[in-house]
């Protein structure tokens, strides 16, 4: 149940005391002044103006701009981040706005993430290149989506020879402190991988989705996809133990053994 917004001067004092990633107006007259303005990306998602009745997951919510915006437009939102809401700024901004949005501290590489679904729409924005295993992260996040999946990530199309731009290529991004001359974007140690747009498209298709829209702009790529399949065999092969089939009957008989 949403509550009353915090008084403006108190909100401004609380926000000014901290560093923010998302730069947006939290309440009228009070802005975070973060390092990244996400409002343009929100418009590019092309979500309905009225999200009433839509369940939406914001995976990798960070300070919470996309969660708060979707909530304001009527969606039933659940946020996920590897930081606790008290430490990501999400709880503070929720208090300032008088907004109550469920928030779970969970790593996208944790298979338990799927227990929170399903959702009509899943957002995974600016997330995959920060994960050590982006296929697993995508697989886990996509498992939450019953219909629509929106991915935005770092794209290396413009950095590769033309012959490689149409190939499903991932580039490893080493620790910028240990390898300062290897072109790590923003010298950010949390960046692990860069992708060609073709690579991300094929990954999204590989986990059971069809890509309706793909947009590359400089070093960013946005994919808008819808589900066409269920849980895929490839994901089971990649991350799960096979079921145990003990010998049935006389172990001296070949037919008693199930061998994969």
Protein backbone atom coordinates (compact mmCIF):
# COMPACT_ATOMS: atom_id res chain seq x y z
CA UNK A 1 0.00 0.00 0.00
CA UNK A 2 1.55 3.31 -1.08
CA UNK A 3 1.99 6.03 1.54
CA UNK A 4 2.46 9.81 1.57
CA UNK A 5 5.49 11.39 -0.15
CA UNK A 6 8.23 12.77 2.07
CA UNK A 7 8.44 16.54 2.51
CA UNK A 8 10.56 18.16 -0.23
CA UNK A 9 13.37 19.65 1.88
CA UNK A 10 13.83 16.42 3.83
CA UNK A 11 13.91 14.43 0.58
CA UNK A 12 16.46 16.77 -0.98
CA UNK A 13 18.73 16.49 2.08
CA UNK A 14 18.60 12.68 2.06
CA UNK A 15 19.33 12.40 -1.66
CA UNK A 16 22.16 14.94 -1.63
CA UNK A 17 24.05 12.85 0.92
CA UNK A 18 24.54 9.91 -1.47
CA UNK A 19 25.90 8.97 -4.89
CA UNK A 20 23.34 7.80 -7.47
CA UNK A 21 23.49 5.88 -10.73
CA UNK A 22 20.01 6.68 -12.07
CA UNK A 23 19.45 10.39 -12.70
CA UNK A 24 15.73 11.23 -12.43
CA UNK A 25 13.15 13.33 -10.65
CA UNK A 26 12.04 11.37 -7.59
CA UNK A 27 9.31 13.76 -6.51
CA UNK A 28 8.49 17.21 -7.94
CA UNK A 29 11.50 19.46 -7.48
CA UNK A 30 13.83 16.73 -6.18
CA UNK A 31 16.27 14.94 -8.49
CA UNK A 32 18.97 12.36 -7.82
CA UNK A 33 21.52 13.92 -10.22
CA UNK A 34 23.00 10.50 -10.96
CA UNK A 35 25.56 9.51 -13.58
CA UNK A 36 23.08 8.02 -16.07
CA UNK A 37 19.74 9.39 -17.26
CA UNK A 38 17.48 6.39 -18.06
CA UNK A 39 14.46 8.35 -19.31
CA UNK A 40 15.41 7.96 -22.98
CA UNK A 41 15.73 4.19 -22.64
CA UNK A 42 12.32 4.03 -20.96
CA UNK A 43 10.76 5.63 -24.03
CA UNK A 44 12.62 3.23 -26.33
CA UNK A 45 11.10 0.25 -24.50
CA UNK A 46 7.75 1.26 -26.04
CA UNK A 47 5.72 -0.07 -23.13
CA UNK A 48 2.00 0.77 -22.98
CA UNK A 49 1.18 4.06 -21.29
CA UNK A 50 -1.33 2.18 -19.14
CA UNK A 51 0.26 -0.89 -17.52
CA UNK A 52 -2.67 -1.66 -15.25
CA UNK A 53 -3.01 -5.41 -14.74
CA UNK A 54 0.52 -6.13 -16.03
CA UNK A 55 3.00 -8.00 -13.83
CA UNK A 56 6.48 -6.64 -14.51
CA UNK A 57 9.87 -7.79 -13.19
CA UNK A 58 12.79 -5.36 -13.09
CA UNK A 59 15.86 -7.61 -12.90
CA UNK A 60 18.92 -5.61 -11.91
CA UNK A 61 16.83 -2.72 -10.62
CA UNK A 62 19.71 -0.65 -9.20
CA UNK A 63 18.33 2.63 -7.76
CA UNK A 64 14.91 1.74 -9.15
CA UNK A 65 14.02 4.21 -11.91
CA UNK A 66 12.39 1.61 -14.16
CA UNK A 67 10.53 0.00 -11.25
CA UNK A 68 9.14 3.32 -10.06
CA UNK A 69 8.20 4.43 -13.57
CA UNK A 70 6.36 1.18 -14.34
CA UNK A 71 4.60 1.35 -10.97
CA UNK A 72 3.49 4.91 -11.71
CA UNK A 73 1.96 3.72 -14.98
CA UNK A 74 -0.07 1.04 -13.21
CA UNK A 75 2.07 -2.11 -13.37
CA UNK A 76 2.36 -4.60 -10.54
CA UNK A 77 6.14 -4.45 -10.18
CA UNK A 78 8.64 -6.71 -8.45
CA UNK A 79 12.28 -5.57 -8.35
CA UNK A 80 15.40 -7.74 -8.12
CA UNK A 81 18.98 -6.71 -7.41
CA UNK A 82 22.13 -8.28 -5.99
CA UNK A 83 22.20 -5.53 -3.36
CA UNK A 84 19.71 -5.24 -0.53
CA UNK A 85 17.13 -2.51 -1.10
CA UNK A 86 18.54 -0.63 1.90
CA UNK A 87 21.96 -0.42 0.23
CA UNK A 88 21.02 0.19 -3.41
CA UNK A 89 19.05 3.35 -2.68
CA UNK A 90 15.81 1.60 -3.63
CA UNK A 91 14.41 1.68 -0.09
CA UNK A 92 15.31 5.33 0.44
CA UNK A 93 13.72 6.42 -2.83
CA UNK A 94 10.67 4.27 -2.05
CA UNK A 95 10.30 6.03 1.30
CA UNK A 96 10.66 9.47 -0.29
CA UNK A 97 7.99 8.69 -2.90
CA UNK A 98 5.69 6.87 -0.51
CA UNK A 99 5.83 3.84 -2.81
CA UNK A 100 5.76 0.20 -1.72
CA UNK A 101 7.28 -2.11 -4.37
CA UNK A 102 8.38 -5.67 -3.49
CA UNK A 103 12.17 -5.99 -3.79
CA UNK A 104 14.21 -9.20 -3.56
CA UNK A 105 17.94 -9.39 -3.00
CA UNK A 106 18.99 -12.18 -5.35
CA UNK A 107 21.82 -12.68 -7.82
CA UNK A 108 20.62 -13.22 -11.39
CA UNK A 109 22.99 -16.21 -11.60
CA UNK A 110 21.02 -17.93 -8.81
CA UNK A 111 18.60 -20.48 -10.25
CA UNK A 112 16.14 -19.74 -7.42
CA UNK A 113 15.21 -16.55 -9.28
CA UNK A 114 12.69 -18.49 -11.36
CA UNK A 115 10.62 -19.21 -8.25
CA UNK A 116 9.36 -15.61 -8.28
CA UNK A 117 7.67 -15.77 -11.70
CA UNK A 118 5.84 -15.68 -13.94
CA UNK A 119 5.64 -12.07 -15.16
CA UNK A 120 4.05 -10.63 -18.27
CA UNK A 121 7.09 -8.43 -18.91
CA UNK A 122 10.68 -8.86 -17.76
CA UNK A 123 13.24 -6.06 -17.98
CA UNK A 124 16.95 -6.92 -17.99
CA UNK A 125 18.49 -3.53 -18.71
CA UNK A 126 22.21 -2.82 -18.51
CA UNK A 127 22.72 -6.14 -16.77
CA UNK A 128 24.13 -9.02 -18.82
CA UNK A 129 27.60 -7.57 -19.41
CA UNK A 130 28.03 -7.23 -15.63
CA UNK A 131 27.60 -11.00 -15.11
CA UNK A 132 30.37 -13.59 -15.22
CA UNK A 133 28.04 -16.06 -16.98
CA UNK A 134 25.68 -14.06 -19.22
CA UNK A 135 23.99 -17.10 -20.77
CA UNK A 136 22.99 -18.36 -17.35
CA UNK A 137 21.87 -14.89 -16.30
CA UNK A 138 19.76 -14.59 -19.44
CA UNK A 139 18.34 -18.07 -18.96
CA UNK A 140 17.34 -17.34 -15.36
CA UNK A 141 15.84 -13.96 -16.13
CA UNK A 142 14.03 -15.18 -19.23
CA UNK A 143 12.48 -18.00 -17.20
CA UNK A 144 10.48 -15.34 -15.35
CA UNK A 145 8.82 -14.08 -18.54
CA UNK A 146 5.55 -15.57 -19.73
CA UNK A 147 5.34 -13.18 -22.67
CA UNK A 148 7.70 -10.24 -23.23
CA UNK A 149 11.43 -9.89 -22.55
CA UNK A 150 13.38 -6.65 -22.97
CA UNK A 151 17.19 -6.75 -22.97
CA UNK A 152 19.56 -3.78 -23.12
CA UNK A 153 23.32 -4.22 -23.02
CA UNK A 154 26.80 -3.18 -24.06
CA UNK A 155 27.39 -3.86 -27.76
CA UNK A 156 30.74 -4.28 -29.53
CA UNK A 157 29.54 -4.14 -33.17
CA UNK A 158 31.33 -0.86 -33.83
CA UNK A 159 34.57 -2.11 -32.28
CA UNK A 160 35.03 -5.17 -34.50
CA UNK A 161 36.20 -5.67 -38.08
CA UNK A 162 33.22 -5.71 -40.42
CA UNK A 163 33.58 -9.45 -41.06
CA UNK A 164 32.97 -10.20 -37.37
CA UNK A 165 30.01 -7.89 -36.80
CA UNK A 166 27.54 -10.42 -38.18
CA UNK A 167 28.99 -13.24 -36.07
CA UNK A 168 27.80 -14.32 -32.58
CA UNK A 169 30.86 -12.95 -30.79
CA UNK A 170 31.40 -12.29 -27.09
CA UNK A 171 34.49 -10.38 -25.97
CA UNK A 172 35.92 -10.87 -22.49
CA UNK A 173 36.60 -7.63 -20.60
CA UNK A 174 39.45 -8.16 -18.13
CA UNK A 175 39.93 -6.35 -14.83
CA UNK A 176 40.93 -2.75 -15.71
CA UNK A 177 43.31 -2.55 -12.75
CA UNK A 178 45.29 -5.59 -13.86
CA UNK A 179 44.96 -4.90 -17.59
CA UNK A 180 44.70 -1.10 -17.95
CA UNK A 181 45.40 -1.13 -21.69
CA UNK A 182 42.73 -3.61 -22.76
CA UNK A 183 39.91 -1.17 -23.49
CA UNK A 184 37.65 -1.81 -20.50
CA UNK A 185 34.61 0.52 -20.90
CA UNK A 186 34.54 3.19 -18.19
CA UNK A 187 37.42 1.39 -16.41
CA UNK A 188 34.65 -0.51 -14.59
CA UNK A 189 35.70 -3.74 -12.88
CA UNK A 190 32.08 -4.95 -12.90
CA UNK A 191 32.09 -5.26 -16.71
CA UNK A 192 32.83 -8.83 -17.84
CA UNK A 193 31.60 -9.23 -21.44
CA UNK A 194 30.77 -7.33 -24.59
CA UNK A 195 28.44 -8.76 -27.25
CA UNK A 196 27.73 -8.36 -30.91
CA UNK A 197 24.06 -7.66 -31.54
CA UNK A 198 23.88 -10.95 -33.45
CA UNK A 199 25.27 -12.79 -30.43
CA UNK A 200 22.63 -11.41 -28.07
CA UNK A 201 19.87 -12.05 -30.59
CA UNK A 202 20.89 -15.70 -30.92
CA UNK A 203 21.17 -16.08 -27.14
CA UNK A 204 17.66 -14.69 -26.67
CA UNK A 205 16.33 -17.03 -29.36
CA UNK A 206 18.21 -19.92 -27.77
CA UNK A 207 16.28 -19.52 -24.50
CA UNK A 208 12.90 -19.70 -26.22
CA UNK A 209 12.08 -16.20 -27.52
CA UNK A 210 11.58 -14.54 -30.90
CA UNK A 211 13.12 -11.10 -31.33
CA UNK A 212 10.59 -8.57 -32.63
CA UNK A 213 12.83 -5.53 -32.50
CA UNK A 214 16.59 -5.02 -32.38
CA UNK A 215 18.16 -1.57 -32.18
CA UNK A 216 21.87 -0.76 -32.06
CA UNK A 217 22.94 2.73 -31.09
CA UNK A 218 26.66 3.35 -30.73
CA UNK A 219 27.81 0.90 -28.02
CA UNK A 220 24.34 -0.14 -26.82
CA UNK A 221 21.87 -2.71 -28.09
CA UNK A 222 18.18 -3.13 -27.25
CA UNK A 223 16.22 -6.31 -27.96
CA UNK A 224 12.45 -6.65 -27.60
CA UNK A 225 11.31 -10.29 -27.71
CA UNK A 226 8.29 -12.50 -27.04
CA UNK A 227 8.16 -16.07 -25.80
CA UNK A 228 7.66 -18.80 -28.39
CA UNK A 229 8.81 -21.85 -26.42
CA UNK A 230 9.02 -23.25 -22.93
CA UNK A 231 12.05 -24.37 -21.00
CA UNK A 232 14.70 -25.37 -23.48
CA UNK A 233 16.77 -28.57 -23.56
CA UNK A 234 19.97 -26.54 -23.92
CA UNK A 235 19.41 -24.89 -20.55
CA UNK A 236 18.87 -28.25 -18.90
CA UNK A 237 22.09 -29.56 -20.42
CA UNK A 238 24.05 -26.50 -19.36
CA UNK A 239 23.11 -26.11 -15.70
CA UNK A 240 21.32 -29.12 -14.27
CA UNK A 241 22.19 -32.59 -13.10
CA UNK A 242 20.53 -35.33 -15.10
CA UNK A 243 17.87 -37.43 -13.38
CA UNK A 244 19.11 -40.63 -11.78
CA UNK A 245 17.89 -43.89 -13.35
CA UNK A 246 19.12 -46.81 -11.19
CA UNK A 247 19.53 -50.27 -12.71
CA UNK A 248 16.11 -51.87 -13.21
CA UNK A 249 16.19 -55.57 -12.53
CA UNK A 250 19.22 -57.83 -12.98
CA UNK A 251 22.34 -55.62 -13.31
CA UNK A 252 23.96 -58.34 -15.39
CA UNK A 253 21.40 -57.67 -18.13
CA UNK A 254 22.16 -54.82 -20.56
CA UNK A 255 18.53 -53.74 -20.60
CA UNK A 256 18.67 -52.99 -16.86
CA UNK A 257 20.95 -50.01 -17.41
CA UNK A 258 19.98 -46.57 -18.63
CA UNK A 259 23.02 -44.91 -20.17
CA UNK A 260 22.83 -41.35 -21.47
